[in-house]
């Protein structure tokens, strides 16, 4: 699977980017995770899981103002 945000239908796009971002966090690939999670957040800005994972990613990357 590619390490770049994916695009399809909005629902599929959201879910794929969210889950891929989570997988990349678990693998320690935070810069790649950030791109996927930012794409998911663009599609569903109010989604709590996306906001949480993105906040964790920003925190681990030292981007405390965004976390």
Protein backbone atom coordinates (compact mmCIF):
# COMPACT_ATOMS: atom_id res chain seq x y z
CA UNK A 1 0.00 0.00 0.00
CA UNK A 2 1.22 3.49 -0.79
CA UNK A 3 2.39 5.91 1.89
CA UNK A 4 0.46 8.79 0.38
CA UNK A 5 -3.09 9.87 1.21
CA UNK A 6 -5.61 7.98 -0.89
CA UNK A 7 -8.66 9.32 -2.67
CA UNK A 8 -11.87 7.54 -3.74
CA UNK A 9 -15.47 8.12 -2.72
CA UNK A 10 -15.67 10.42 0.32
CA UNK A 11 -16.75 7.64 2.73
CA UNK A 12 -14.14 5.16 1.48
CA UNK A 13 -11.51 7.89 1.33
CA UNK A 14 -12.16 8.88 4.93
CA UNK A 15 -12.04 5.33 6.30
CA UNK A 16 -8.95 4.30 4.36
CA UNK A 17 -7.01 7.37 5.39
CA UNK A 18 -8.09 7.07 9.02
CA UNK A 19 -7.16 3.40 9.33
CA UNK A 20 -3.92 3.74 7.39
CA UNK A 21 -2.94 6.66 9.59
CA UNK A 22 -3.56 4.53 12.68
CA UNK A 23 -1.47 1.70 11.27
CA UNK A 24 1.39 4.07 10.54
CA UNK A 25 1.29 5.50 14.07
CA UNK A 26 1.57 1.96 15.43
CA UNK A 27 4.54 1.35 13.12
CA UNK A 28 6.23 4.55 14.29
CA UNK A 29 5.95 6.22 10.88
CA UNK A 30 4.58 9.49 12.22
CA UNK A 31 5.33 11.76 9.26
CA UNK A 32 3.46 9.41 6.93
CA UNK A 33 0.63 8.98 9.44
CA UNK A 34 0.21 12.74 9.61
CA UNK A 35 -0.60 13.00 5.90
CA UNK A 36 -3.25 10.30 6.04
CA UNK A 37 -4.84 11.68 9.18
CA UNK A 38 -4.86 15.24 7.89
CA UNK A 39 -6.71 14.01 4.80
CA UNK A 40 -9.24 12.16 6.97
CA UNK A 41 -9.68 15.31 9.06
CA UNK A 42 -10.35 17.39 5.93
CA UNK A 43 -13.15 14.99 5.01
CA UNK A 44 -14.72 14.75 8.50
CA UNK A 45 -13.40 17.53 10.73
CA UNK A 46 -15.77 16.67 13.61
CA UNK A 47 -14.81 12.98 13.81
CA UNK A 48 -13.52 12.35 17.35
CA UNK A 49 -11.25 9.39 16.47
CA UNK A 50 -9.57 11.34 13.68
CA UNK A 51 -9.04 14.36 15.92
CA UNK A 52 -7.60 12.16 18.67
CA UNK A 53 -5.17 10.28 16.42
CA UNK A 54 -4.11 13.50 14.71
CA UNK A 55 -3.52 15.13 18.10
CA UNK A 56 -1.38 12.19 19.23
CA UNK A 57 0.58 12.37 15.99
CA UNK A 58 1.19 16.10 16.32
CA UNK A 59 2.24 15.61 19.96
CA UNK A 60 4.70 12.84 19.12
CA UNK A 61 6.14 14.97 16.33
CA UNK A 62 6.68 17.84 18.78
CA UNK A 63 4.01 19.99 17.14
CA UNK A 64 2.49 20.90 20.48
CA UNK A 65 0.64 23.99 19.24
CA UNK A 66 -1.41 21.77 16.89
CA UNK A 67 -1.85 18.87 19.31
